[in-house]
N, C-alpha and C. Protein backbone atom coordinates (compact mmCIF):
# COMPACT_ATOMS: atom_id res chain seq x y z
N UNK A 1 183.46 259.08 144.27
CA UNK A 1 182.99 258.87 142.90
C UNK A 1 181.57 259.38 142.74
N UNK A 2 181.29 260.11 141.69
CA UNK A 2 179.97 260.69 141.46
C UNK A 2 179.11 259.76 140.63
N UNK A 3 177.79 259.80 140.81
CA UNK A 3 176.89 259.03 139.96
C UNK A 3 176.53 259.82 138.72
N UNK A 4 177.14 261.00 138.52
CA UNK A 4 176.91 261.82 137.34
C UNK A 4 178.23 262.08 136.62
N UNK A 5 179.00 261.06 136.23
CA UNK A 5 180.35 261.28 135.71
C UNK A 5 180.39 261.95 134.36
N UNK A 6 179.32 261.90 133.58
CA UNK A 6 179.41 262.42 132.23
C UNK A 6 179.12 263.91 132.14
N UNK A 7 178.74 264.56 133.23
CA UNK A 7 178.36 265.96 133.20
C UNK A 7 179.46 266.84 133.79
N UNK A 8 179.60 268.08 133.32
CA UNK A 8 180.51 269.04 133.95
C UNK A 8 180.12 269.29 135.39
N UNK A 9 181.04 269.85 136.15
CA UNK A 9 180.82 269.99 137.59
C UNK A 9 179.53 270.73 137.92
N UNK A 10 179.24 271.83 137.21
CA UNK A 10 178.03 272.58 137.53
C UNK A 10 176.79 271.73 137.33
N UNK A 11 176.73 270.99 136.21
CA UNK A 11 175.55 270.16 135.95
C UNK A 11 175.49 268.98 136.91
N UNK A 12 176.65 268.46 137.30
CA UNK A 12 176.63 267.39 138.29
C UNK A 12 176.08 267.90 139.61
N UNK A 13 176.43 269.12 139.98
CA UNK A 13 175.92 269.68 141.23
C UNK A 13 174.40 269.82 141.17
N UNK A 14 173.89 270.35 140.03
CA UNK A 14 172.45 270.51 139.90
C UNK A 14 171.75 269.16 139.96
N UNK A 15 172.32 268.16 139.29
CA UNK A 15 171.70 266.84 139.29
C UNK A 15 171.69 266.25 140.69
N UNK A 16 172.82 266.39 141.38
CA UNK A 16 172.89 265.85 142.73
C UNK A 16 171.91 266.55 143.67
N UNK A 17 171.79 267.88 143.50
CA UNK A 17 170.87 268.63 144.35
C UNK A 17 169.44 268.21 144.10
N UNK A 18 169.08 268.04 142.83
CA UNK A 18 167.72 267.64 142.50
C UNK A 18 167.43 266.24 143.00
N UNK A 19 168.41 265.34 142.85
CA UNK A 19 168.22 263.99 143.35
C UNK A 19 168.02 263.99 144.85
N UNK A 20 168.78 264.81 145.56
CA UNK A 20 168.60 264.89 147.02
C UNK A 20 167.19 265.36 147.35
N UNK A 21 166.69 266.35 146.62
CA UNK A 21 165.33 266.82 146.84
C UNK A 21 164.31 265.74 146.53
N UNK A 22 164.55 265.00 145.45
CA UNK A 22 163.61 263.97 145.04
C UNK A 22 163.41 262.95 146.14
N UNK A 23 164.48 262.62 146.85
CA UNK A 23 164.37 261.61 147.88
C UNK A 23 163.87 262.17 149.22
N UNK A 24 163.66 263.49 149.30
CA UNK A 24 163.12 264.06 150.53
C UNK A 24 161.61 263.92 150.60
N UNK A 25 160.97 263.73 149.45
CA UNK A 25 159.52 263.55 149.46
C UNK A 25 158.80 264.64 148.70
N UNK A 26 157.51 264.41 148.48
CA UNK A 26 156.74 265.28 147.61
C UNK A 26 156.56 266.68 148.18
N UNK A 27 156.58 266.85 149.51
CA UNK A 27 156.38 268.18 150.07
C UNK A 27 157.50 269.11 149.64
N UNK A 28 158.72 268.60 149.59
CA UNK A 28 159.86 269.44 149.24
C UNK A 28 159.89 269.78 147.77
N UNK A 29 159.13 269.04 146.95
CA UNK A 29 159.22 269.20 145.51
C UNK A 29 157.99 269.83 144.89
N UNK A 30 157.06 270.26 145.69
CA UNK A 30 155.80 270.77 145.15
C UNK A 30 156.02 271.93 144.20
N UNK A 31 157.06 272.70 144.43
CA UNK A 31 157.29 273.88 143.60
C UNK A 31 158.44 273.71 142.62
N UNK A 32 158.95 272.47 142.47
CA UNK A 32 160.10 272.26 141.58
C UNK A 32 159.70 272.53 140.14
N UNK A 33 160.38 273.46 139.45
CA UNK A 33 159.98 273.80 138.08
C UNK A 33 160.53 272.84 137.06
N UNK A 34 159.82 272.65 135.98
CA UNK A 34 160.32 271.91 134.84
C UNK A 34 160.38 272.89 133.68
N UNK A 35 161.57 273.30 133.32
CA UNK A 35 161.72 274.38 132.36
C UNK A 35 161.78 273.90 130.92
N UNK A 36 162.06 272.61 130.72
CA UNK A 36 162.26 272.11 129.37
C UNK A 36 161.13 271.18 128.96
N UNK A 37 160.65 271.34 127.75
CA UNK A 37 159.66 270.43 127.18
C UNK A 37 160.38 269.62 126.11
N UNK A 38 160.71 268.39 126.42
CA UNK A 38 161.59 267.61 125.57
C UNK A 38 160.87 266.99 124.38
N UNK A 39 159.57 266.84 124.44
CA UNK A 39 158.83 266.18 123.38
C UNK A 39 157.99 267.19 122.61
N UNK A 40 158.29 267.36 121.34
CA UNK A 40 157.50 268.28 120.52
C UNK A 40 156.22 267.63 120.01
N UNK A 41 156.26 266.33 119.80
CA UNK A 41 155.10 265.62 119.24
C UNK A 41 154.33 264.96 120.37
N UNK A 42 153.21 265.56 120.73
CA UNK A 42 152.42 265.08 121.87
C UNK A 42 150.99 264.75 121.51
N UNK A 43 150.64 264.81 120.25
CA UNK A 43 149.29 264.50 119.81
C UNK A 43 149.33 263.43 118.72
N UNK A 44 148.25 262.67 118.60
CA UNK A 44 148.20 261.60 117.62
C UNK A 44 147.98 262.16 116.22
N UNK A 45 148.76 261.68 115.27
CA UNK A 45 148.66 262.07 113.87
C UNK A 45 148.41 260.81 113.06
N UNK A 46 147.22 260.63 112.46
CA UNK A 46 146.94 259.41 111.71
C UNK A 46 147.88 259.20 110.53
N UNK A 47 148.45 260.27 110.02
CA UNK A 47 149.41 260.14 108.92
C UNK A 47 150.78 259.68 109.40
N UNK A 48 151.05 259.91 110.69
CA UNK A 48 152.31 259.47 111.31
C UNK A 48 151.96 258.87 112.67
N UNK A 49 151.39 257.67 112.67
CA UNK A 49 150.80 257.12 113.91
C UNK A 49 151.79 256.85 115.04
N UNK A 50 153.08 256.78 114.72
CA UNK A 50 154.08 256.54 115.77
C UNK A 50 154.73 257.83 116.26
N UNK A 51 154.28 258.96 115.74
CA UNK A 51 154.94 260.23 116.03
C UNK A 51 154.99 260.55 117.53
N UNK A 52 153.90 260.30 118.22
CA UNK A 52 153.84 260.64 119.65
C UNK A 52 154.25 259.49 120.56
N UNK A 53 154.71 258.37 119.99
CA UNK A 53 155.02 257.20 120.82
C UNK A 53 156.08 257.47 121.89
N UNK A 54 157.18 258.18 121.57
CA UNK A 54 158.16 258.45 122.64
C UNK A 54 157.56 259.23 123.81
N UNK A 55 156.70 260.19 123.50
CA UNK A 55 156.04 260.95 124.56
C UNK A 55 155.09 260.06 125.36
N UNK A 56 154.34 259.21 124.67
CA UNK A 56 153.39 258.32 125.34
C UNK A 56 154.12 257.38 126.29
N UNK A 57 155.21 256.79 125.83
CA UNK A 57 155.98 255.88 126.69
C UNK A 57 156.52 256.61 127.92
N UNK A 58 157.11 257.77 127.71
CA UNK A 58 157.70 258.51 128.82
C UNK A 58 156.63 258.98 129.81
N UNK A 59 155.53 259.52 129.30
CA UNK A 59 154.50 260.04 130.18
C UNK A 59 153.78 258.93 130.93
N UNK A 60 153.52 257.81 130.27
CA UNK A 60 152.88 256.68 130.95
C UNK A 60 153.75 256.21 132.11
N UNK A 61 155.04 256.02 131.83
CA UNK A 61 155.95 255.55 132.86
C UNK A 61 156.09 256.56 134.00
N UNK A 62 156.35 257.81 133.67
CA UNK A 62 156.55 258.82 134.70
C UNK A 62 155.31 259.05 135.53
N UNK A 63 154.13 258.98 134.90
CA UNK A 63 152.88 259.21 135.62
C UNK A 63 152.61 258.09 136.62
N UNK A 64 152.83 256.84 136.19
CA UNK A 64 152.61 255.73 137.11
C UNK A 64 153.63 255.77 138.24
N UNK A 65 154.88 256.01 137.90
CA UNK A 65 155.94 256.10 138.91
C UNK A 65 155.58 257.15 139.95
N UNK A 66 155.18 258.33 139.49
CA UNK A 66 154.85 259.42 140.41
C UNK A 66 153.65 259.07 141.27
N UNK A 67 152.63 258.46 140.67
CA UNK A 67 151.42 258.13 141.42
C UNK A 67 151.69 257.08 142.49
N UNK A 68 152.43 256.04 142.13
CA UNK A 68 152.67 254.94 143.04
C UNK A 68 153.57 255.36 144.21
N UNK A 69 154.61 256.13 143.91
CA UNK A 69 155.57 256.48 144.95
C UNK A 69 155.31 257.84 145.59
N UNK A 70 154.21 258.49 145.21
CA UNK A 70 153.83 259.73 145.86
C UNK A 70 154.77 260.88 145.61
N UNK A 71 155.24 261.00 144.37
CA UNK A 71 156.19 262.06 143.99
C UNK A 71 155.57 262.88 142.88
N UNK A 72 155.72 264.20 142.88
CA UNK A 72 155.22 264.99 141.75
C UNK A 72 155.86 264.54 140.44
N UNK A 73 155.06 264.36 139.41
CA UNK A 73 155.59 263.91 138.12
C UNK A 73 156.65 264.87 137.59
N UNK A 74 156.45 266.16 137.78
CA UNK A 74 157.42 267.12 137.25
C UNK A 74 158.78 266.95 137.92
N UNK A 75 158.81 266.46 139.16
CA UNK A 75 160.09 266.23 139.83
C UNK A 75 160.80 265.03 139.23
N UNK A 76 160.04 264.00 138.86
CA UNK A 76 160.64 262.84 138.22
C UNK A 76 161.23 263.23 136.86
N UNK A 77 160.45 264.01 136.11
CA UNK A 77 160.91 264.46 134.80
C UNK A 77 162.19 265.28 134.93
N UNK A 78 162.19 266.21 135.87
CA UNK A 78 163.36 267.08 136.00
C UNK A 78 164.57 266.31 136.49
N UNK A 79 164.36 265.33 137.35
CA UNK A 79 165.49 264.51 137.80
C UNK A 79 166.16 263.83 136.61
N UNK A 80 165.35 263.30 135.71
CA UNK A 80 165.91 262.64 134.52
C UNK A 80 166.60 263.65 133.61
N UNK A 81 166.01 264.84 133.49
CA UNK A 81 166.62 265.88 132.67
C UNK A 81 167.99 266.28 133.20
N UNK A 82 168.18 266.17 134.51
CA UNK A 82 169.44 266.56 135.12
C UNK A 82 170.45 265.42 135.15
N UNK A 83 170.08 264.26 134.59
CA UNK A 83 171.06 263.18 134.47
C UNK A 83 170.85 261.98 135.35
N UNK A 84 169.80 261.97 136.17
CA UNK A 84 169.54 260.81 137.02
C UNK A 84 169.01 259.68 136.15
N UNK A 85 169.56 258.50 136.29
CA UNK A 85 169.14 257.35 135.50
C UNK A 85 167.72 256.94 135.83
N UNK A 86 166.88 256.84 134.80
CA UNK A 86 165.52 256.38 135.02
C UNK A 86 165.48 254.96 135.55
N UNK A 87 166.39 254.10 135.09
CA UNK A 87 166.45 252.74 135.61
C UNK A 87 166.78 252.74 137.09
N UNK A 88 167.76 253.56 137.49
CA UNK A 88 168.14 253.61 138.90
C UNK A 88 167.01 254.16 139.77
N UNK A 89 166.22 255.10 139.24
CA UNK A 89 165.08 255.59 140.00
C UNK A 89 164.09 254.47 140.27
N UNK A 90 163.79 253.66 139.25
CA UNK A 90 162.88 252.53 139.45
C UNK A 90 163.42 251.59 140.52
N UNK A 91 164.69 251.23 140.39
CA UNK A 91 165.29 250.26 141.31
C UNK A 91 165.29 250.80 142.73
N UNK A 92 165.75 252.02 142.91
CA UNK A 92 165.87 252.59 144.25
C UNK A 92 164.52 252.78 144.91
N UNK A 93 163.54 253.27 144.16
CA UNK A 93 162.23 253.52 144.77
C UNK A 93 161.45 252.23 145.01
N UNK A 94 161.51 251.31 144.08
CA UNK A 94 160.82 250.03 144.31
C UNK A 94 161.44 249.30 145.50
N UNK A 95 162.77 249.18 145.50
CA UNK A 95 163.43 248.44 146.58
C UNK A 95 163.25 249.11 147.92
N UNK A 96 163.33 250.43 147.96
CA UNK A 96 163.18 251.12 149.24
C UNK A 96 161.76 250.96 149.77
N UNK A 97 160.77 250.94 148.87
CA UNK A 97 159.40 250.72 149.30
C UNK A 97 159.23 249.31 149.85
N UNK A 98 159.80 248.32 149.16
CA UNK A 98 159.67 246.93 149.60
C UNK A 98 160.41 246.66 150.90
N UNK A 99 161.56 247.31 151.07
CA UNK A 99 162.42 247.04 152.23
C UNK A 99 162.27 248.07 153.34
N UNK A 100 161.37 249.05 153.15
CA UNK A 100 161.16 250.10 154.15
C UNK A 100 162.44 250.89 154.40
N UNK A 101 163.07 251.31 153.31
CA UNK A 101 164.29 252.10 153.39
C UNK A 101 164.07 253.43 152.69
N UNK A 102 165.07 254.29 152.74
CA UNK A 102 165.03 255.56 152.04
C UNK A 102 165.69 255.40 150.66
N UNK A 103 165.04 255.86 149.58
CA UNK A 103 165.67 255.74 148.26
C UNK A 103 167.05 256.37 148.20
N UNK A 104 167.23 257.50 148.87
CA UNK A 104 168.53 258.16 148.86
C UNK A 104 169.62 257.30 149.46
N UNK A 105 169.25 256.50 150.47
CA UNK A 105 170.23 255.61 151.09
C UNK A 105 170.67 254.53 150.10
N UNK A 106 169.71 253.99 149.35
CA UNK A 106 170.05 252.97 148.36
C UNK A 106 170.90 253.56 147.23
N UNK A 107 170.55 254.77 146.80
CA UNK A 107 171.33 255.40 145.75
C UNK A 107 172.76 255.69 146.23
N UNK A 108 172.91 256.04 147.49
CA UNK A 108 174.25 256.28 148.04
C UNK A 108 175.05 254.98 148.05
N UNK A 109 174.36 253.87 148.40
CA UNK A 109 175.04 252.57 148.38
C UNK A 109 175.47 252.23 146.97
N UNK A 110 174.60 252.52 145.99
CA UNK A 110 174.95 252.23 144.60
C UNK A 110 176.12 253.08 144.13
N UNK A 111 176.19 254.31 144.59
CA UNK A 111 177.29 255.20 144.20
C UNK A 111 178.63 254.64 144.65
N UNK A 112 178.62 253.98 145.82
CA UNK A 112 179.87 253.45 146.37
C UNK A 112 180.22 252.08 145.80
N UNK A 113 179.27 251.44 145.10
CA UNK A 113 179.46 250.07 144.64
C UNK A 113 179.69 250.01 143.14
N UNK A 114 180.17 248.86 142.69
CA UNK A 114 180.42 248.66 141.26
C UNK A 114 179.17 248.24 140.52
N UNK A 115 178.15 247.79 141.25
CA UNK A 115 176.93 247.31 140.63
C UNK A 115 175.80 247.34 141.67
N UNK A 116 174.57 247.14 141.20
CA UNK A 116 173.46 247.06 142.15
C UNK A 116 173.59 245.81 143.03
N UNK A 117 174.09 244.74 142.48
CA UNK A 117 174.28 243.53 143.29
C UNK A 117 175.20 243.83 144.47
N UNK A 118 176.30 244.48 144.19
CA UNK A 118 177.23 244.83 145.26
C UNK A 118 176.60 245.82 146.23
N UNK A 119 175.79 246.73 145.71
CA UNK A 119 175.14 247.72 146.58
C UNK A 119 174.22 247.05 147.58
N UNK A 120 173.47 246.06 147.14
CA UNK A 120 172.57 245.36 148.06
C UNK A 120 173.32 244.41 148.98
N UNK A 121 174.42 243.84 148.51
CA UNK A 121 175.21 242.95 149.36
C UNK A 121 175.81 243.69 150.54
N UNK A 122 176.00 245.00 150.39
CA UNK A 122 176.59 245.79 151.47
C UNK A 122 175.58 246.13 152.56
N UNK A 123 174.31 245.81 152.34
CA UNK A 123 173.27 246.15 153.31
C UNK A 123 172.93 244.93 154.16
N UNK A 124 172.56 245.18 155.39
CA UNK A 124 172.18 244.09 156.29
C UNK A 124 170.69 243.80 156.16
N UNK A 125 170.30 242.59 156.53
CA UNK A 125 168.89 242.24 156.54
C UNK A 125 168.49 241.42 155.32
N UNK A 126 167.35 240.73 155.46
CA UNK A 126 166.83 239.88 154.39
C UNK A 126 166.30 240.73 153.24
N UNK A 127 166.43 240.20 152.04
CA UNK A 127 165.98 240.90 150.85
C UNK A 127 164.79 240.21 150.20
N UNK A 128 164.17 239.26 150.91
CA UNK A 128 163.10 238.47 150.31
C UNK A 128 161.90 239.33 149.89
N UNK A 129 161.71 240.48 150.53
CA UNK A 129 160.59 241.34 150.19
C UNK A 129 160.70 241.91 148.78
N UNK A 130 161.87 241.79 148.17
CA UNK A 130 162.06 242.30 146.81
C UNK A 130 161.36 241.44 145.77
N UNK A 131 160.95 240.24 146.14
CA UNK A 131 160.26 239.36 145.20
C UNK A 131 161.24 238.46 144.47
N UNK A 132 160.76 237.28 144.09
CA UNK A 132 161.66 236.27 143.53
C UNK A 132 162.25 236.70 142.19
N UNK A 133 161.49 237.39 141.37
CA UNK A 133 162.00 237.77 140.05
C UNK A 133 163.09 238.83 140.17
N UNK A 134 162.81 239.88 140.91
CA UNK A 134 163.80 240.95 141.09
C UNK A 134 165.03 240.39 141.79
N UNK A 135 164.82 239.61 142.85
CA UNK A 135 165.94 239.08 143.63
C UNK A 135 166.77 238.11 142.79
N UNK A 136 166.11 237.31 141.96
CA UNK A 136 166.85 236.39 141.10
C UNK A 136 167.75 237.13 140.13
N UNK A 137 167.22 238.19 139.52
CA UNK A 137 168.05 239.00 138.63
C UNK A 137 169.20 239.65 139.38
N UNK A 138 168.91 240.13 140.57
CA UNK A 138 169.94 240.78 141.38
C UNK A 138 171.07 239.80 141.70
N UNK A 139 170.71 238.61 142.12
CA UNK A 139 171.72 237.61 142.49
C UNK A 139 172.53 237.16 141.28
N UNK A 140 171.93 237.21 140.10
CA UNK A 140 172.63 236.84 138.87
C UNK A 140 173.45 237.99 138.28
N UNK A 141 173.45 239.12 138.97
CA UNK A 141 174.20 240.27 138.48
C UNK A 141 173.54 240.99 137.34
N UNK A 142 172.20 240.98 137.31
CA UNK A 142 171.46 241.64 136.25
C UNK A 142 171.76 243.13 136.17
N UNK A 143 171.72 243.67 134.97
CA UNK A 143 171.98 245.08 134.78
C UNK A 143 170.81 245.95 135.18
N UNK A 144 171.03 247.26 135.15
CA UNK A 144 170.00 248.19 135.60
C UNK A 144 168.73 248.11 134.76
N UNK A 145 168.86 247.92 133.45
CA UNK A 145 167.67 247.87 132.59
C UNK A 145 166.79 246.68 132.95
N UNK A 146 167.40 245.51 133.18
CA UNK A 146 166.62 244.33 133.55
C UNK A 146 166.01 244.48 134.94
N UNK A 147 166.77 245.04 135.87
CA UNK A 147 166.26 245.22 137.23
C UNK A 147 165.12 246.23 137.26
N UNK A 148 165.24 247.30 136.48
CA UNK A 148 164.16 248.29 136.46
C UNK A 148 162.91 247.72 135.83
N UNK A 149 163.05 246.87 134.81
CA UNK A 149 161.89 246.23 134.20
C UNK A 149 161.20 245.31 135.19
N UNK A 150 161.99 244.57 135.97
CA UNK A 150 161.42 243.70 137.00
C UNK A 150 160.71 244.52 138.07
N UNK A 151 161.31 245.65 138.44
CA UNK A 151 160.67 246.54 139.42
C UNK A 151 159.35 247.07 138.88
N UNK A 152 159.34 247.48 137.61
CA UNK A 152 158.10 247.96 137.00
C UNK A 152 157.06 246.85 136.96
N UNK A 153 157.51 245.61 136.69
CA UNK A 153 156.59 244.49 136.70
C UNK A 153 155.95 244.28 138.06
N UNK A 154 156.74 244.37 139.11
CA UNK A 154 156.20 244.23 140.46
C UNK A 154 155.17 245.32 140.75
N UNK A 155 155.46 246.54 140.30
CA UNK A 155 154.56 247.66 140.56
C UNK A 155 153.24 247.49 139.82
N UNK A 156 153.28 247.13 138.54
CA UNK A 156 152.02 247.01 137.80
C UNK A 156 151.23 245.78 138.25
N UNK A 157 151.93 244.74 138.72
CA UNK A 157 151.21 243.59 139.27
C UNK A 157 150.42 244.01 140.50
N UNK A 158 151.05 244.81 141.36
CA UNK A 158 150.40 245.22 142.60
C UNK A 158 149.34 246.30 142.38
N UNK A 159 149.64 247.29 141.57
CA UNK A 159 148.77 248.46 141.47
C UNK A 159 147.80 248.42 140.30
N UNK A 160 148.11 247.63 139.28
CA UNK A 160 147.21 247.54 138.13
C UNK A 160 146.58 246.17 137.98
N UNK A 161 147.05 245.20 138.77
CA UNK A 161 146.45 243.88 138.73
C UNK A 161 146.77 243.07 137.48
N UNK A 162 147.89 243.37 136.83
CA UNK A 162 148.27 242.61 135.64
C UNK A 162 148.79 241.24 136.08
N UNK A 163 148.29 240.14 135.51
CA UNK A 163 148.74 238.81 135.94
C UNK A 163 150.20 238.55 135.60
N UNK A 164 150.85 237.76 136.43
CA UNK A 164 152.27 237.50 136.21
C UNK A 164 152.52 236.69 134.95
N UNK A 165 151.54 235.94 134.47
CA UNK A 165 151.74 235.24 133.21
C UNK A 165 152.01 236.24 132.08
N UNK A 166 151.33 237.37 132.11
CA UNK A 166 151.57 238.42 131.12
C UNK A 166 152.90 239.12 131.36
N UNK A 167 153.18 239.43 132.60
CA UNK A 167 154.41 240.14 132.93
C UNK A 167 155.64 239.29 132.64
N UNK A 168 155.57 238.00 132.97
CA UNK A 168 156.71 237.13 132.71
C UNK A 168 157.01 237.05 131.21
N UNK A 169 155.95 237.04 130.39
CA UNK A 169 156.16 237.01 128.94
C UNK A 169 156.87 238.28 128.47
N UNK A 170 156.49 239.43 129.02
CA UNK A 170 157.14 240.68 128.64
C UNK A 170 158.57 240.74 129.14
N UNK A 171 158.79 240.29 130.37
CA UNK A 171 160.15 240.29 130.92
C UNK A 171 161.05 239.34 130.13
N UNK A 172 160.52 238.20 129.73
CA UNK A 172 161.30 237.24 128.95
C UNK A 172 161.71 237.83 127.61
N UNK A 173 160.89 238.73 127.09
CA UNK A 173 161.20 239.39 125.84
C UNK A 173 162.07 240.61 126.00
N UNK A 174 162.59 240.83 127.21
CA UNK A 174 163.48 241.95 127.52
C UNK A 174 162.79 243.30 127.28
N UNK A 175 161.51 243.38 127.62
CA UNK A 175 160.80 244.65 127.52
C UNK A 175 161.38 245.65 128.51
N UNK A 176 161.39 246.91 128.13
CA UNK A 176 161.85 247.98 129.02
C UNK A 176 160.74 248.35 129.99
N UNK A 177 161.12 249.02 131.06
CA UNK A 177 160.15 249.40 132.08
C UNK A 177 159.01 250.23 131.48
N UNK A 178 159.34 251.18 130.61
CA UNK A 178 158.32 252.03 130.01
C UNK A 178 157.36 251.22 129.15
N UNK A 179 157.85 250.21 128.44
CA UNK A 179 156.99 249.37 127.62
C UNK A 179 156.06 248.52 128.47
N UNK A 180 156.58 247.99 129.57
CA UNK A 180 155.75 247.19 130.47
C UNK A 180 154.64 248.04 131.06
N UNK A 181 154.98 249.24 131.49
CA UNK A 181 153.98 250.13 132.08
C UNK A 181 152.91 250.50 131.06
N UNK A 182 153.32 250.92 129.87
CA UNK A 182 152.37 251.38 128.87
C UNK A 182 151.47 250.24 128.39
N UNK A 183 152.04 249.07 128.16
CA UNK A 183 151.23 247.93 127.76
C UNK A 183 150.25 247.54 128.86
N UNK A 184 150.68 247.65 130.10
CA UNK A 184 149.81 247.29 131.23
C UNK A 184 148.66 248.27 131.38
N UNK A 185 148.95 249.56 131.20
CA UNK A 185 147.89 250.56 131.26
C UNK A 185 146.86 250.32 130.14
N UNK A 186 147.34 250.07 128.94
CA UNK A 186 146.44 249.81 127.82
C UNK A 186 145.63 248.54 128.05
N UNK A 187 146.23 247.56 128.71
CA UNK A 187 145.51 246.34 129.04
C UNK A 187 144.34 246.63 129.98
N UNK A 188 144.58 247.46 130.97
CA UNK A 188 143.51 247.82 131.90
C UNK A 188 142.39 248.58 131.19
N UNK A 189 142.74 249.45 130.26
CA UNK A 189 141.73 250.27 129.60
C UNK A 189 141.02 249.54 128.47
N UNK A 190 141.67 248.54 127.88
CA UNK A 190 141.07 247.85 126.73
C UNK A 190 140.58 246.46 127.04
N UNK A 191 141.12 245.85 128.09
CA UNK A 191 140.76 244.46 128.40
C UNK A 191 141.58 243.44 127.64
N UNK A 192 142.51 243.88 126.81
CA UNK A 192 143.35 242.97 126.04
C UNK A 192 144.59 242.59 126.87
N UNK A 193 145.15 241.41 126.66
CA UNK A 193 146.35 241.01 127.41
C UNK A 193 147.52 241.94 127.14
N UNK A 194 148.22 242.30 128.18
CA UNK A 194 149.33 243.24 128.04
C UNK A 194 150.42 242.71 127.14
N UNK A 195 150.75 241.42 127.26
CA UNK A 195 151.82 240.85 126.45
C UNK A 195 151.46 240.87 124.97
N UNK A 196 150.19 240.65 124.66
CA UNK A 196 149.75 240.69 123.26
C UNK A 196 149.82 242.11 122.71
N UNK A 197 149.48 243.08 123.54
CA UNK A 197 149.58 244.48 123.13
C UNK A 197 151.02 244.83 122.79
N UNK A 198 151.93 244.44 123.66
CA UNK A 198 153.33 244.74 123.43
C UNK A 198 153.84 244.04 122.17
N UNK A 199 153.45 242.79 121.96
CA UNK A 199 153.88 242.07 120.75
C UNK A 199 153.40 242.79 119.49
N UNK A 200 152.16 243.27 119.51
CA UNK A 200 151.62 243.96 118.34
C UNK A 200 152.40 245.24 118.03
N UNK A 201 152.76 245.97 119.09
CA UNK A 201 153.53 247.20 118.87
C UNK A 201 154.94 246.88 118.39
N UNK A 202 155.59 245.94 119.03
CA UNK A 202 156.97 245.62 118.69
C UNK A 202 157.08 245.04 117.28
N UNK A 203 156.02 244.35 116.84
CA UNK A 203 156.05 243.75 115.50
C UNK A 203 155.71 244.76 114.41
N UNK A 204 155.27 245.94 114.80
CA UNK A 204 154.91 246.96 113.82
C UNK A 204 153.48 246.91 113.35
N UNK A 205 152.67 246.04 113.96
CA UNK A 205 151.27 245.95 113.54
C UNK A 205 150.46 247.16 113.99
N UNK A 206 150.92 247.83 115.03
CA UNK A 206 150.23 249.02 115.51
C UNK A 206 151.23 249.90 116.23
N UNK A 207 150.78 251.00 116.78
CA UNK A 207 151.64 251.90 117.55
C UNK A 207 150.97 252.22 118.88
N UNK A 208 151.74 252.74 119.80
CA UNK A 208 151.16 253.16 121.08
C UNK A 208 150.13 254.26 120.84
N UNK A 209 150.45 255.18 119.96
CA UNK A 209 149.53 256.26 119.66
C UNK A 209 148.23 255.76 119.05
N UNK A 210 148.32 254.80 118.14
CA UNK A 210 147.12 254.25 117.52
C UNK A 210 146.22 253.58 118.56
N UNK A 211 146.83 252.83 119.45
CA UNK A 211 146.05 252.14 120.48
C UNK A 211 145.36 253.14 121.40
N UNK A 212 146.07 254.18 121.78
CA UNK A 212 145.45 255.21 122.61
C UNK A 212 144.32 255.90 121.86
N UNK A 213 144.55 256.20 120.60
CA UNK A 213 143.54 256.87 119.78
C UNK A 213 142.28 256.02 119.65
N UNK A 214 142.44 254.73 119.45
CA UNK A 214 141.30 253.83 119.34
C UNK A 214 140.45 253.81 120.61
N UNK A 215 141.10 254.06 121.73
CA UNK A 215 140.38 254.09 123.02
C UNK A 215 139.87 255.48 123.37
N UNK A 216 140.13 256.45 122.50
CA UNK A 216 139.69 257.81 122.75
C UNK A 216 140.52 258.53 123.80
N UNK A 217 141.76 258.10 123.98
CA UNK A 217 142.64 258.69 124.98
C UNK A 217 143.63 259.62 124.30
N UNK A 218 143.65 260.87 124.71
CA UNK A 218 144.62 261.83 124.20
C UNK A 218 145.90 261.75 125.03
N UNK A 219 147.06 261.76 124.38
CA UNK A 219 148.32 261.68 125.15
C UNK A 219 148.42 262.73 126.25
N UNK A 220 147.88 263.94 125.99
CA UNK A 220 147.97 265.00 127.00
C UNK A 220 147.16 264.67 128.26
N UNK A 221 146.20 263.76 128.14
CA UNK A 221 145.37 263.42 129.30
C UNK A 221 145.80 262.17 130.02
N UNK A 222 146.97 261.64 129.66
CA UNK A 222 147.41 260.38 130.24
C UNK A 222 147.62 260.44 131.75
N UNK A 223 148.25 261.50 132.22
CA UNK A 223 148.59 261.56 133.64
C UNK A 223 147.34 261.44 134.51
N UNK A 224 146.29 262.16 134.16
CA UNK A 224 145.06 262.10 134.94
C UNK A 224 144.46 260.70 134.94
N UNK A 225 144.47 260.04 133.78
CA UNK A 225 143.91 258.70 133.69
C UNK A 225 144.75 257.69 134.47
N UNK A 226 146.06 257.86 134.44
CA UNK A 226 146.93 256.95 135.18
C UNK A 226 146.70 257.11 136.68
N UNK A 227 146.61 258.34 137.14
CA UNK A 227 146.40 258.56 138.57
C UNK A 227 145.06 258.04 139.05
N UNK A 228 144.10 257.93 138.15
CA UNK A 228 142.80 257.36 138.51
C UNK A 228 142.90 255.85 138.75
N UNK A 229 143.93 255.23 138.18
CA UNK A 229 144.11 253.78 138.33
C UNK A 229 145.01 253.42 139.49
N UNK A 230 146.04 254.23 139.72
CA UNK A 230 147.09 253.85 140.67
C UNK A 230 147.12 254.81 141.85
N UNK A 231 147.53 254.28 142.97
CA UNK A 231 147.66 255.10 144.18
C UNK A 231 148.95 254.72 144.88
N UNK A 232 149.49 255.58 145.75
CA UNK A 232 150.70 255.22 146.49
C UNK A 232 150.52 253.94 147.27
N UNK A 233 151.58 253.18 147.36
CA UNK A 233 151.56 251.92 148.12
C UNK A 233 151.27 252.20 149.59
N UNK A 234 150.32 251.47 150.20
CA UNK A 234 150.01 251.71 151.60
C UNK A 234 151.16 251.34 152.51
N UNK A 235 151.26 252.06 153.63
CA UNK A 235 152.33 251.77 154.61
C UNK A 235 151.97 250.52 155.40
């Protein structure tokens, strides 16, 4: 069974090949090209303050993911373009880092299983290093979106120092991984609580673009600023 069932055979092959490269490490991916620019709106427009929000969410998430796990951002982007689930990338890379495993091994286990819970049940050894929140969701049969959000929460707690009181509030509100990451980054840059930032955006009181603009941050410069905050997890 393939983890790329919705794509024709040629595209499934490309996606599988790219995923294999992604799990080999950053040295193998240094020259991986990204041929498609999926977001046309990448700058803040005061007349349309939410215009660049999809780009801001994607770039914030991909930049932090790449910085923390030591992968070129363009490789993460291209993997998603080829059909690799962003949620599964979060789960596999977070769990493999916590358990000292290879992400490709976890993804292979998931391919053979009906769910992430079953994929982890097939592995030997204690899973306590995954953390109580992630492990609780896993044991309850949580879906990929919830597990990836919990993984993102663990990452921003460790690398950005966001308190769990804020993260738990966002997780309880079913925030997506990209929202947790972006709110956490803005919290670090503004000093405001991450959960309050997310509530303001979700309620329509502001936008991600407006908040970045108020801080003098251009969406195109996000990756550099994110990398200044986060570093790969030490061995």
